[in-house]
């Protein structure tokens, strides 16, 4: 029988029908497991939260651990904390729908001036400006994974012109080397790439300067994909707009100037923070366990330490 730890009662209940083939153990990494249970554990499902360093160290208490499963697509934070000999799987696809919804909401809120409209409502002031539409805009989506594709799928009904960029060029998708040439034609740039050395400051001062006046930068990727100081300069100068679900640093300190930058919307890394997460994590874990029980590799293997 395969012994698997799950971080909460909700996930335990959703997978209870597997109990004849899988021993499910409730473990949120807060307290040590009983030694006899820890010996049996082969798979650990990480919870839907940002695990603190001291919790990661508990993984070493399971000497026969084979797989660590993340609920997030991002895995750079976990990679250095996984014990040797363990396979790491990410949650690719779990948060794609929720984060794509938020990306679209941020775009529409910025284009249609919803922040100013809410301020005017609170003041009892009739506020009726002419604003940019989303229709007919040129949208540059940087990324080609499940999140980027979910964003593209949701943008299509809005009658926009979509250009997509990925690490390597392929049918209908430009290579990242073409990004500098594409930026001057973009009304809206949506960032949906993983955080890595390759994508760090992908939008640096030169890239931001290449965007046309009034362009909107939407970041639902990682904060470090954008050079914060360079973006702040463009925002405070009134040339660009921003809608950010992620920032660098994160979280922002209460006195960080990005909070008060003009024409800027900030959400606190809310992309995947919805109630849809629980059923989607359960569905992915169920599929991964079925593969393991069949002697196959699970989905979304990203590293073998």
C-alpha atoms as a PDB file:
ATOM      1  CA  UNK A   1       0.000   0.000   0.000  1.00  0.00           C
ATOM      2  CA  UNK A   2       1.231   3.494  -0.881  1.00  0.00           C
ATOM      3  CA  UNK A   3       1.520   5.863   2.097  1.00  0.00           C
ATOM      4  CA  UNK A   4       0.773   9.488   1.245  1.00  0.00           C
ATOM      5  CA  UNK A   5       0.533  12.542   3.487  1.00  0.00           C
ATOM      6  CA  UNK A   6      -2.034  15.251   2.801  1.00  0.00           C
ATOM      7  CA  UNK A   7      -2.055  18.660   4.503  1.00  0.00           C
ATOM      8  CA  UNK A   8      -5.730  19.124   5.399  1.00  0.00           C
ATOM      9  CA  UNK A   9      -9.003  17.381   6.123  1.00  0.00           C
ATOM     10  CA  UNK A  10     -10.611  18.621   2.904  1.00  0.00           C
ATOM     11  CA  UNK A  11      -8.084  16.774   0.753  1.00  0.00           C
ATOM     12  CA  UNK A  12      -8.315  13.727   3.010  1.00  0.00           C
ATOM     13  CA  UNK A  13     -12.078  13.601   2.484  1.00  0.00           C
ATOM     14  CA  UNK A  14     -11.887  14.134  -1.291  1.00  0.00           C
ATOM     15  CA  UNK A  15      -9.562  11.119  -1.671  1.00  0.00           C
ATOM     16  CA  UNK A  16     -11.125   8.827   0.930  1.00  0.00           C
ATOM     17  CA  UNK A  17     -12.353   6.418  -1.752  1.00  0.00           C
ATOM     18  CA  UNK A  18      -8.715   5.450  -2.418  1.00  0.00           C
ATOM     19  CA  UNK A  19      -8.269   4.121   1.123  1.00  0.00           C
ATOM     20  CA  UNK A  20      -8.232   0.478   0.002  1.00  0.00           C
ATOM     21  CA  UNK A  21      -5.062   1.178  -2.024  1.00  0.00           C
ATOM     22  CA  UNK A  22      -3.555   4.265  -0.416  1.00  0.00           C
ATOM     23  CA  UNK A  23      -2.833   4.995   3.241  1.00  0.00           C
ATOM     24  CA  UNK A  24      -3.684   8.671   3.646  1.00  0.00           C
ATOM     25  CA  UNK A  25      -1.986  10.414   6.578  1.00  0.00           C
ATOM     26  CA  UNK A  26      -2.876  13.921   7.719  1.00  0.00           C
ATOM     27  CA  UNK A  27       0.340  15.964   7.964  1.00  0.00           C
ATOM     28  CA  UNK A  28       0.810  19.706   7.550  1.00  0.00           C
ATOM     29  CA  UNK A  29       4.567  19.592   8.345  1.00  0.00           C
ATOM     30  CA  UNK A  30       3.965  21.473  11.607  1.00  0.00           C
ATOM     31  CA  UNK A  31       4.648  18.565  13.964  1.00  0.00           C
ATOM     32  CA  UNK A  32       6.812  15.449  13.550  1.00  0.00           C
ATOM     33  CA  UNK A  33       5.141  12.266  12.369  1.00  0.00           C
ATOM     34  CA  UNK A  34       5.209   9.186  14.593  1.00  0.00           C
ATOM     35  CA  UNK A  35       8.383   7.286  13.703  1.00  0.00           C
ATOM     36  CA  UNK A  36       6.548   4.153  12.528  1.00  0.00           C
ATOM     37  CA  UNK A  37       4.399   6.246  10.147  1.00  0.00           C
ATOM     38  CA  UNK A  38       7.321   8.334   8.890  1.00  0.00           C
ATOM     39  CA  UNK A  39       9.075   5.126   7.850  1.00  0.00           C
ATOM     40  CA  UNK A  40       6.188   4.267   5.503  1.00  0.00           C
ATOM     41  CA  UNK A  41       5.700   7.676   3.860  1.00  0.00           C
ATOM     42  CA  UNK A  42       6.600   7.726   0.164  1.00  0.00           C
ATOM     43  CA  UNK A  43       4.635  10.755  -1.071  1.00  0.00           C
ATOM     44  CA  UNK A  44       4.105  14.164   0.549  1.00  0.00           C
ATOM     45  CA  UNK A  45       1.512  16.605  -0.798  1.00  0.00           C
ATOM     46  CA  UNK A  46       2.433  20.157   0.179  1.00  0.00           C
ATOM     47  CA  UNK A  47      -0.388  22.378   1.388  1.00  0.00           C
ATOM     48  CA  UNK A  48      -1.904  25.405  -0.282  1.00  0.00           C
ATOM     49  CA  UNK A  49       0.284  27.870   1.557  1.00  0.00           C
ATOM     50  CA  UNK A  50       3.815  29.205   1.452  1.00  0.00           C
ATOM     51  CA  UNK A  51       5.715  26.647   3.532  1.00  0.00           C
ATOM     52  CA  UNK A  52       8.118  28.151   6.047  1.00  0.00           C
ATOM     53  CA  UNK A  53      11.758  26.921   6.021  1.00  0.00           C
ATOM     54  CA  UNK A  54      11.446  25.052   9.317  1.00  0.00           C
ATOM     55  CA  UNK A  55       8.549  23.029   7.893  1.00  0.00           C
ATOM     56  CA  UNK A  56      10.500  21.976   4.813  1.00  0.00           C
ATOM     57  CA  UNK A  57      13.146  20.471   7.124  1.00  0.00           C
ATOM     58  CA  UNK A  58      10.582  17.970   8.374  1.00  0.00           C
ATOM     59  CA  UNK A  59      10.706  16.186   5.015  1.00  0.00           C
ATOM     60  CA  UNK A  60      13.998  14.646   6.147  1.00  0.00           C
ATOM     61  CA  UNK A  61      12.035  12.769   8.830  1.00  0.00           C
ATOM     62  CA  UNK A  62      10.612  10.443   6.138  1.00  0.00           C
ATOM     63  CA  UNK A  63      13.584   8.225   5.149  1.00  0.00           C
ATOM     64  CA  UNK A  64      11.702   6.447   2.345  1.00  0.00           C
ATOM     65  CA  UNK A  65      10.234   9.579   0.776  1.00  0.00           C
ATOM     66  CA  UNK A  66      10.136   9.368  -3.029  1.00  0.00           C
ATOM     67  CA  UNK A  67       7.919  12.235  -4.214  1.00  0.00           C
ATOM     68  CA  UNK A  68       7.068  15.746  -3.055  1.00  0.00           C
ATOM     69  CA  UNK A  69       4.026  17.244  -4.790  1.00  0.00           C
ATOM     70  CA  UNK A  70       3.441  20.987  -4.922  1.00  0.00           C
ATOM     71  CA  UNK A  71       0.084  22.722  -5.414  1.00  0.00           C
ATOM     72  CA  UNK A  72       1.813  25.590  -7.257  1.00  0.00           C
ATOM     73  CA  UNK A  73       3.238  25.851 -10.753  1.00  0.00           C
ATOM     74  CA  UNK A  74       6.233  27.722  -9.369  1.00  0.00           C
ATOM     75  CA  UNK A  75       8.794  25.433  -7.794  1.00  0.00           C
ATOM     76  CA  UNK A  76      11.958  27.532  -7.502  1.00  0.00           C
ATOM     77  CA  UNK A  77      11.228  28.148  -3.813  1.00  0.00           C
ATOM     78  CA  UNK A  78      11.008  24.413  -3.067  1.00  0.00           C
ATOM     79  CA  UNK A  79      13.870  23.063  -5.138  1.00  0.00           C
ATOM     80  CA  UNK A  80      16.714  23.788  -2.685  1.00  0.00           C
ATOM     81  CA  UNK A  81      14.720  22.321   0.216  1.00  0.00           C
ATOM     82  CA  UNK A  82      13.927  18.888  -1.215  1.00  0.00           C
ATOM     83  CA  UNK A  83      15.951  15.980   0.258  1.00  0.00           C
ATOM     84  CA  UNK A  84      18.404  14.177  -2.005  1.00  0.00           C
ATOM     85  CA  UNK A  85      16.973  11.361  -4.067  1.00  0.00           C
ATOM     86  CA  UNK A  86      13.422  12.766  -4.051  1.00  0.00           C
ATOM     87  CA  UNK A  87      11.407  13.658  -7.163  1.00  0.00           C
ATOM     88  CA  UNK A  88       9.647  17.023  -7.161  1.00  0.00           C
ATOM     89  CA  UNK A  89       6.377  17.569  -9.044  1.00  0.00           C
ATOM     90  CA  UNK A  90       4.709  20.941  -9.442  1.00  0.00           C
ATOM     91  CA  UNK A  91       1.026  21.832  -9.666  1.00  0.00           C
ATOM     92  CA  UNK A  92       1.054  22.905 -13.296  1.00  0.00           C
ATOM     93  CA  UNK A  93      -2.492  23.724 -14.343  1.00  0.00           C
ATOM     94  CA  UNK A  94      -4.006  23.891 -10.840  1.00  0.00           C
ATOM     95  CA  UNK A  95      -4.039  27.681 -10.687  1.00  0.00           C
ATOM     96  CA  UNK A  96      -4.216  28.452 -14.411  1.00  0.00           C
ATOM     97  CA  UNK A  97      -7.948  29.195 -14.536  1.00  0.00           C
ATOM     98  CA  UNK A  98      -7.980  31.333 -11.389  1.00  0.00           C
ATOM     99  CA  UNK A  99      -4.888  33.298 -12.327  1.00  0.00           C
ATOM    100  CA  UNK A 100      -6.126  33.812 -15.880  1.00  0.00           C
ATOM    101  CA  UNK A 101      -9.423  35.133 -14.469  1.00  0.00           C
ATOM    102  CA  UNK A 102      -7.498  37.611 -12.352  1.00  0.00           C
ATOM    103  CA  UNK A 103      -5.298  38.660 -15.285  1.00  0.00           C
ATOM    104  CA  UNK A 104      -8.419  39.447 -17.308  1.00  0.00           C
ATOM    105  CA  UNK A 105      -9.990  41.266 -14.349  1.00  0.00           C
ATOM    106  CA  UNK A 106      -6.874  43.393 -13.917  1.00  0.00           C
ATOM    107  CA  UNK A 107      -6.835  44.270 -17.609  1.00  0.00           C
ATOM    108  CA  UNK A 108     -10.512  45.253 -17.658  1.00  0.00           C
ATOM    109  CA  UNK A 109     -10.267  47.177 -14.374  1.00  0.00           C
ATOM    110  CA  UNK A 110      -7.362  49.182 -15.728  1.00  0.00           C
ATOM    111  CA  UNK A 111      -8.748  49.742 -19.228  1.00  0.00           C
ATOM    112  CA  UNK A 112     -12.207  50.746 -18.000  1.00  0.00           C
ATOM    113  CA  UNK A 113     -11.050  52.831 -15.023  1.00  0.00           C
ATOM    114  CA  UNK A 114     -12.830  50.843 -12.336  1.00  0.00           C
ATOM    115  CA  UNK A 115     -10.585  52.070  -9.506  1.00  0.00           C
ATOM    116  CA  UNK A 116     -11.437  55.695 -10.280  1.00  0.00           C
ATOM    117  CA  UNK A 117     -15.112  54.751 -10.668  1.00  0.00           C
ATOM    118  CA  UNK A 118     -15.180  53.195  -7.185  1.00  0.00           C
ATOM    119  CA  UNK A 119     -13.489  56.257  -5.715  1.00  0.00           C
ATOM    120  CA  UNK A 120     -16.079  58.473  -7.398  1.00  0.00           C
ATOM    121  CA  UNK A 121     -18.902  56.251  -6.118  1.00  0.00           C
ATOM    122  CA  UNK A 122     -17.665  56.581  -2.524  1.00  0.00           C
ATOM    123  CA  UNK A 123     -17.589  60.362  -2.975  1.00  0.00           C
ATOM    124  CA  UNK A 124     -21.034  60.502  -4.588  1.00  0.00           C
ATOM    125  CA  UNK A 125     -19.434  62.091  -7.645  1.00  0.00           C
ATOM    126  CA  UNK A 126     -20.661  61.474 -11.219  1.00  0.00           C
ATOM    127  CA  UNK A 127     -17.521  60.404 -13.095  1.00  0.00           C
ATOM    128  CA  UNK A 128     -17.944  59.751 -16.820  1.00  0.00           C
ATOM    129  CA  UNK A 129     -14.610  59.861 -18.699  1.00  0.00           C
ATOM    130  CA  UNK A 130     -13.869  58.375 -22.102  1.00  0.00           C
ATOM    131  CA  UNK A 131     -11.606  55.374 -21.492  1.00  0.00           C
ATOM    132  CA  UNK A 132      -9.652  52.892 -23.604  1.00  0.00           C
ATOM    133  CA  UNK A 133     -11.503  49.756 -24.628  1.00  0.00           C
ATOM    134  CA  UNK A 134     -10.076  46.260 -24.523  1.00  0.00           C
ATOM    135  CA  UNK A 135     -11.491  45.548 -27.974  1.00  0.00           C
ATOM    136  CA  UNK A 136      -9.094  46.247 -30.833  1.00  0.00           C
ATOM    137  CA  UNK A 137      -6.061  46.414 -28.530  1.00  0.00           C
ATOM    138  CA  UNK A 138      -2.787  44.668 -29.320  1.00  0.00           C
ATOM    139  CA  UNK A 139      -2.033  42.289 -26.454  1.00  0.00           C
ATOM    140  CA  UNK A 140       1.392  40.691 -26.068  1.00  0.00           C
ATOM    141  CA  UNK A 141       1.290  37.559 -23.878  1.00  0.00           C
ATOM    142  CA  UNK A 142       4.738  36.553 -22.671  1.00  0.00           C
ATOM    143  CA  UNK A 143       4.651  32.844 -21.890  1.00  0.00           C
ATOM    144  CA  UNK A 144       3.279  29.686 -23.488  1.00  0.00           C
ATOM    145  CA  UNK A 145       2.559  27.344 -20.574  1.00  0.00           C
ATOM    146  CA  UNK A 146      -0.833  26.376 -19.198  1.00  0.00           C
ATOM    147  CA  UNK A 147      -1.334  29.775 -17.535  1.00  0.00           C
ATOM    148  CA  UNK A 148      -0.439  31.741 -20.653  1.00  0.00           C
ATOM    149  CA  UNK A 149      -2.738  29.552 -22.739  1.00  0.00           C
ATOM    150  CA  UNK A 150      -5.592  30.036 -20.273  1.00  0.00           C
ATOM    151  CA  UNK A 151      -5.095  33.809 -20.553  1.00  0.00           C
ATOM    152  CA  UNK A 152      -5.050  33.673 -24.352  1.00  0.00           C
ATOM    153  CA  UNK A 153      -8.237  31.577 -24.398  1.00  0.00           C
ATOM    154  CA  UNK A 154     -10.036  34.124 -22.215  1.00  0.00           C
ATOM    155  CA  UNK A 155      -8.817  37.103 -24.217  1.00  0.00           C
ATOM    156  CA  UNK A 156      -9.973  35.833 -27.612  1.00  0.00           C
ATOM    157  CA  UNK A 157     -13.688  36.705 -27.193  1.00  0.00           C
ATOM    158  CA  UNK A 158     -12.727  40.328 -26.459  1.00  0.00           C
ATOM    159  CA  UNK A 159     -11.769  40.984 -30.090  1.00  0.00           C
ATOM    160  CA  UNK A 160      -8.122  41.748 -29.411  1.00  0.00           C
ATOM    161  CA  UNK A 161      -5.038  41.160 -31.516  1.00  0.00           C
ATOM    162  CA  UNK A 162      -2.940  38.598 -29.597  1.00  0.00           C
ATOM    163  CA  UNK A 163       0.782  38.022 -30.033  1.00  0.00           C
ATOM    164  CA  UNK A 164       2.399  35.295 -27.970  1.00  0.00           C
ATOM    165  CA  UNK A 165       6.057  34.887 -27.016  1.00  0.00           C
ATOM    166  CA  UNK A 166       7.789  31.806 -25.592  1.00  0.00           C
ATOM    167  CA  UNK A 167      11.334  30.655 -24.943  1.00  0.00           C
ATOM    168  CA  UNK A 168      11.512  29.118 -28.409  1.00  0.00           C
ATOM    169  CA  UNK A 169       9.566  29.990 -31.535  1.00  0.00           C
ATOM    170  CA  UNK A 170       6.962  27.585 -32.905  1.00  0.00           C
ATOM    171  CA  UNK A 171       3.801  27.730 -34.952  1.00  0.00           C
ATOM    172  CA  UNK A 172       2.004  30.958 -34.097  1.00  0.00           C
ATOM    173  CA  UNK A 173       4.372  31.747 -31.200  1.00  0.00           C
ATOM    174  CA  UNK A 174       7.389  34.043 -31.371  1.00  0.00           C
ATOM    175  CA  UNK A 175      10.715  33.267 -29.700  1.00  0.00           C
ATOM    176  CA  UNK A 176      11.886  35.322 -26.735  1.00  0.00           C
ATOM    177  CA  UNK A 177      14.687  36.797 -28.837  1.00  0.00           C
ATOM    178  CA  UNK A 178      11.982  38.664 -30.780  1.00  0.00           C
ATOM    179  CA  UNK A 179      10.579  40.364 -27.671  1.00  0.00           C
ATOM    180  CA  UNK A 180      12.443  43.692 -28.089  1.00  0.00           C
ATOM    181  CA  UNK A 181      11.050  44.064 -31.606  1.00  0.00           C
ATOM    182  CA  UNK A 182       7.484  43.238 -30.477  1.00  0.00           C
ATOM    183  CA  UNK A 183       7.246  45.562 -27.472  1.00  0.00           C
ATOM    184  CA  UNK A 184       6.832  48.856 -29.418  1.00  0.00           C
ATOM    185  CA  UNK A 185       3.569  47.576 -30.941  1.00  0.00           C
ATOM    186  CA  UNK A 186       2.008  46.321 -27.681  1.00  0.00           C
ATOM    187  CA  UNK A 187      -0.849  48.176 -26.003  1.00  0.00           C
ATOM    188  CA  UNK A 188      -0.941  45.587 -23.207  1.00  0.00           C
ATOM    189  CA  UNK A 189       1.809  43.210 -22.053  1.00  0.00           C
ATOM    190  CA  UNK A 190       0.771  40.226 -19.932  1.00  0.00           C
ATOM    191  CA  UNK A 191       3.574  38.350 -18.174  1.00  0.00           C
ATOM    192  CA  UNK A 192       2.898  34.652 -17.528  1.00  0.00           C
ATOM    193  CA  UNK A 193       6.344  33.056 -17.336  1.00  0.00           C
ATOM    194  CA  UNK A 194       8.036  31.094 -14.533  1.00  0.00           C
ATOM    195  CA  UNK A 195      10.508  32.849 -12.282  1.00  0.00           C
ATOM    196  CA  UNK A 196      14.066  31.878 -13.238  1.00  0.00           C
ATOM    197  CA  UNK A 197      17.469  33.322 -14.010  1.00  0.00           C
ATOM    198  CA  UNK A 198      16.376  33.562 -17.647  1.00  0.00           C
ATOM    199  CA  UNK A 199      13.247  35.583 -16.883  1.00  0.00           C
ATOM    200  CA  UNK A 200      14.666  37.794 -14.102  1.00  0.00           C
ATOM    201  CA  UNK A 201      14.151  41.436 -15.154  1.00  0.00           C
ATOM    202  CA  UNK A 202      12.880  40.326 -18.538  1.00  0.00           C
ATOM    203  CA  UNK A 203      11.142  43.688 -18.553  1.00  0.00           C
ATOM    204  CA  UNK A 204      14.083  45.893 -17.612  1.00  0.00           C
ATOM    205  CA  UNK A 205      14.480  49.623 -18.180  1.00  0.00           C
ATOM    206  CA  UNK A 206      15.231  49.183 -21.890  1.00  0.00           C
ATOM    207  CA  UNK A 207      12.250  46.868 -22.457  1.00  0.00           C
ATOM    208  CA  UNK A 208       9.872  49.177 -20.592  1.00  0.00           C
ATOM    209  CA  UNK A 209      11.187  52.181 -22.523  1.00  0.00           C
ATOM    210  CA  UNK A 210      10.378  50.339 -25.764  1.00  0.00           C
ATOM    211  CA  UNK A 211       6.659  50.196 -24.902  1.00  0.00           C
ATOM    212  CA  UNK A 212       4.432  52.909 -26.362  1.00  0.00           C
ATOM    213  CA  UNK A 213       3.042  55.684 -24.186  1.00  0.00           C
ATOM    214  CA  UNK A 214       0.039  54.532 -22.162  1.00  0.00           C
ATOM    215  CA  UNK A 215       0.842  50.818 -22.447  1.00  0.00           C
ATOM    216  CA  UNK A 216      -0.360  48.551 -19.644  1.00  0.00           C
ATOM    217  CA  UNK A 217       2.012  46.069 -17.936  1.00  0.00           C
ATOM    218  CA  UNK A 218       0.166  43.150 -16.325  1.00  0.00           C
ATOM    219  CA  UNK A 219       2.247  40.797 -14.181  1.00  0.00           C
ATOM    220  CA  UNK A 220       0.728  37.526 -12.959  1.00  0.00           C
ATOM    221  CA  UNK A 221       4.045  35.676 -13.201  1.00  0.00           C
ATOM    222  CA  UNK A 222       6.727  36.482 -10.611  1.00  0.00           C
ATOM    223  CA  UNK A 223       7.642  39.909  -9.287  1.00  0.00           C
ATOM    224  CA  UNK A 224      11.259  39.605 -10.380  1.00  0.00           C
ATOM    225  CA  UNK A 225      10.283  39.336 -14.051  1.00  0.00           C
ATOM    226  CA  UNK A 226       9.957  43.143 -13.953  1.00  0.00           C
ATOM    227  CA  UNK A 227      12.635  45.582 -12.805  1.00  0.00           C
ATOM    228  CA  UNK A 228      10.675  47.350 -10.047  1.00  0.00           C
ATOM    229  CA  UNK A 229      12.823  50.486  -9.988  1.00  0.00           C
ATOM    230  CA  UNK A 230      12.554  50.890 -13.757  1.00  0.00           C
ATOM    231  CA  UNK A 231       8.785  50.304 -13.684  1.00  0.00           C
ATOM    232  CA  UNK A 232       8.360  52.831 -10.882  1.00  0.00           C
ATOM    233  CA  UNK A 233      10.218  55.437 -12.923  1.00  0.00           C
ATOM    234  CA  UNK A 234       7.875  54.877 -15.867  1.00  0.00           C
ATOM    235  CA  UNK A 235       4.758  54.952 -13.673  1.00  0.00           C
ATOM    236  CA  UNK A 236       5.753  58.054 -11.745  1.00  0.00           C
ATOM    237  CA  UNK A 237       6.630  59.748 -15.013  1.00  0.00           C
ATOM    238  CA  UNK A 238       3.074  59.056 -16.182  1.00  0.00           C
ATOM    239  CA  UNK A 239       4.095  57.153 -19.296  1.00  0.00           C
ATOM    240  CA  UNK A 240       3.000  53.581 -18.469  1.00  0.00           C
ATOM    241  CA  UNK A 241       0.274  51.864 -16.464  1.00  0.00           C
ATOM    242  CA  UNK A 242       0.539  48.689 -14.362  1.00  0.00           C
ATOM    243  CA  UNK A 243      -1.696  45.955 -12.952  1.00  0.00           C
ATOM    244  CA  UNK A 244       0.328  43.696 -10.689  1.00  0.00           C
ATOM    245  CA  UNK A 245      -0.589  40.534  -8.833  1.00  0.00           C
ATOM    246  CA  UNK A 246       3.065  39.910  -7.990  1.00  0.00           C
ATOM    247  CA  UNK A 247       5.793  42.339  -6.982  1.00  0.00           C
ATOM    248  CA  UNK A 248       9.472  42.493  -6.159  1.00  0.00           C
ATOM    249  CA  UNK A 249       9.903  42.585  -3.209  1.00  0.00           C
ATOM    250  CA  UNK A 250       6.972  40.557  -1.964  1.00  0.00           C
ATOM    251  CA  UNK A 251       5.168  41.352   0.191  1.00  0.00           C
ATOM    252  CA  UNK A 252       5.600  45.078  -0.289  1.00  0.00           C
ATOM    253  CA  UNK A 253       6.405  47.026   2.868  1.00  0.00           C
ATOM    254  CA  UNK A 254       3.658  49.494   3.883  1.00  0.00           C
ATOM    255  CA  UNK A 255       5.839  52.434   2.833  1.00  0.00           C
ATOM    256  CA  UNK A 256       6.909  51.046  -0.545  1.00  0.00           C
ATOM    257  CA  UNK A 257       6.342  53.671  -3.284  1.00  0.00           C
ATOM    258  CA  UNK A 258       4.771  51.109  -5.615  1.00  0.00           C
ATOM    259  CA  UNK A 259       1.600  51.213  -3.481  1.00  0.00           C
ATOM    260  CA  UNK A 260       1.072  54.853  -4.448  1.00  0.00           C
ATOM    261  CA  UNK A 261       2.301  54.785  -8.045  1.00  0.00           C
ATOM    262  CA  UNK A 262      -0.175  56.491 -10.403  1.00  0.00           C
ATOM    263  CA  UNK A 263      -2.392  54.392 -12.681  1.00  0.00           C
ATOM    264  CA  UNK A 264      -1.394  51.219 -10.837  1.00  0.00           C
ATOM    265  CA  UNK A 265      -3.511  48.359  -9.475  1.00  0.00           C
ATOM    266  CA  UNK A 266      -1.944  45.887  -7.039  1.00  0.00           C
ATOM    267  CA  UNK A 267      -3.442  42.621  -5.790  1.00  0.00           C
ATOM    268  CA  UNK A 268      -1.552  40.631  -3.154  1.00  0.00           C
ATOM    269  CA  UNK A 269      -0.563  37.490  -5.099  1.00  0.00           C
ATOM    270  CA  UNK A 270      -4.213  36.477  -5.356  1.00  0.00           C
ATOM    271  CA  UNK A 271      -4.040  34.672  -8.693  1.00  0.00           C
ATOM    272  CA  UNK A 272      -4.495  31.128  -7.450  1.00  0.00           C
ATOM    273  CA  UNK A 273      -6.076  32.037  -4.140  1.00  0.00           C
ATOM    274  CA  UNK A 274      -9.634  30.904  -4.860  1.00  0.00           C
ATOM    275  CA  UNK A 275     -11.901  28.105  -3.705  1.00  0.00           C
ATOM    276  CA  UNK A 276     -11.415  26.362  -7.063  1.00  0.00           C
ATOM    277  CA  UNK A 277      -7.941  25.392  -5.863  1.00  0.00           C
ATOM    278  CA  UNK A 278      -9.091  22.597  -3.562  1.00  0.00           C
ATOM    279  CA  UNK A 279     -10.934  20.502  -6.118  1.00  0.00           C
ATOM    280  CA  UNK A 280      -8.163  21.013  -8.667  1.00  0.00           C
ATOM    281  CA  UNK A 281      -5.386  19.987  -6.270  1.00  0.00           C
ATOM    282  CA  UNK A 282      -7.441  16.903  -5.374  1.00  0.00           C
ATOM    283  CA  UNK A 283      -7.985  15.996  -9.030  1.00  0.00           C
ATOM    284  CA  UNK A 284      -4.280  16.325  -9.815  1.00  0.00           C
ATOM    285  CA  UNK A 285      -3.233  14.350  -6.735  1.00  0.00           C
ATOM    286  CA  UNK A 286      -5.726  11.606  -7.588  1.00  0.00           C
ATOM    287  CA  UNK A 287      -4.282  11.335 -11.097  1.00  0.00           C
ATOM    288  CA  UNK A 288      -0.704  11.316  -9.784  1.00  0.00           C
ATOM    289  CA  UNK A 289      -1.492   8.560  -7.298  1.00  0.00           C
ATOM    290  CA  UNK A 290      -3.198   6.449  -9.975  1.00  0.00           C
ATOM    291  CA  UNK A 291      -0.017   6.674 -12.048  1.00  0.00           C
ATOM    292  CA  UNK A 292       2.166   5.682  -9.102  1.00  0.00           C
ATOM    293  CA  UNK A 293      -0.090   2.758  -8.221  1.00  0.00           C
ATOM    294  CA  UNK A 294       0.243   1.574 -11.823  1.00  0.00           C
ATOM    295  CA  UNK A 295       4.034   1.768 -11.596  1.00  0.00           C
ATOM    296  CA  UNK A 296       4.181   4.883 -13.788  1.00  0.00           C
ATOM    297  CA  UNK A 297       5.656   8.340 -13.346  1.00  0.00           C
ATOM    298  CA  UNK A 298       3.226  10.985 -12.084  1.00  0.00           C
ATOM    299  CA  UNK A 299       2.423  14.151 -13.992  1.00  0.00           C
ATOM    300  CA  UNK A 300       4.419  17.352 -13.715  1.00  0.00           C
ATOM    301  CA  UNK A 301       7.842  16.036 -12.744  1.00  0.00           C
ATOM    302  CA  UNK A 302      10.103  19.096 -12.645  1.00  0.00           C
ATOM    303  CA  UNK A 303      13.227  17.869 -10.837  1.00  0.00           C
ATOM    304  CA  UNK A 304      14.944  14.825  -9.387  1.00  0.00           C
ATOM    305  CA  UNK A 305      17.247  15.930  -6.604  1.00  0.00           C
END
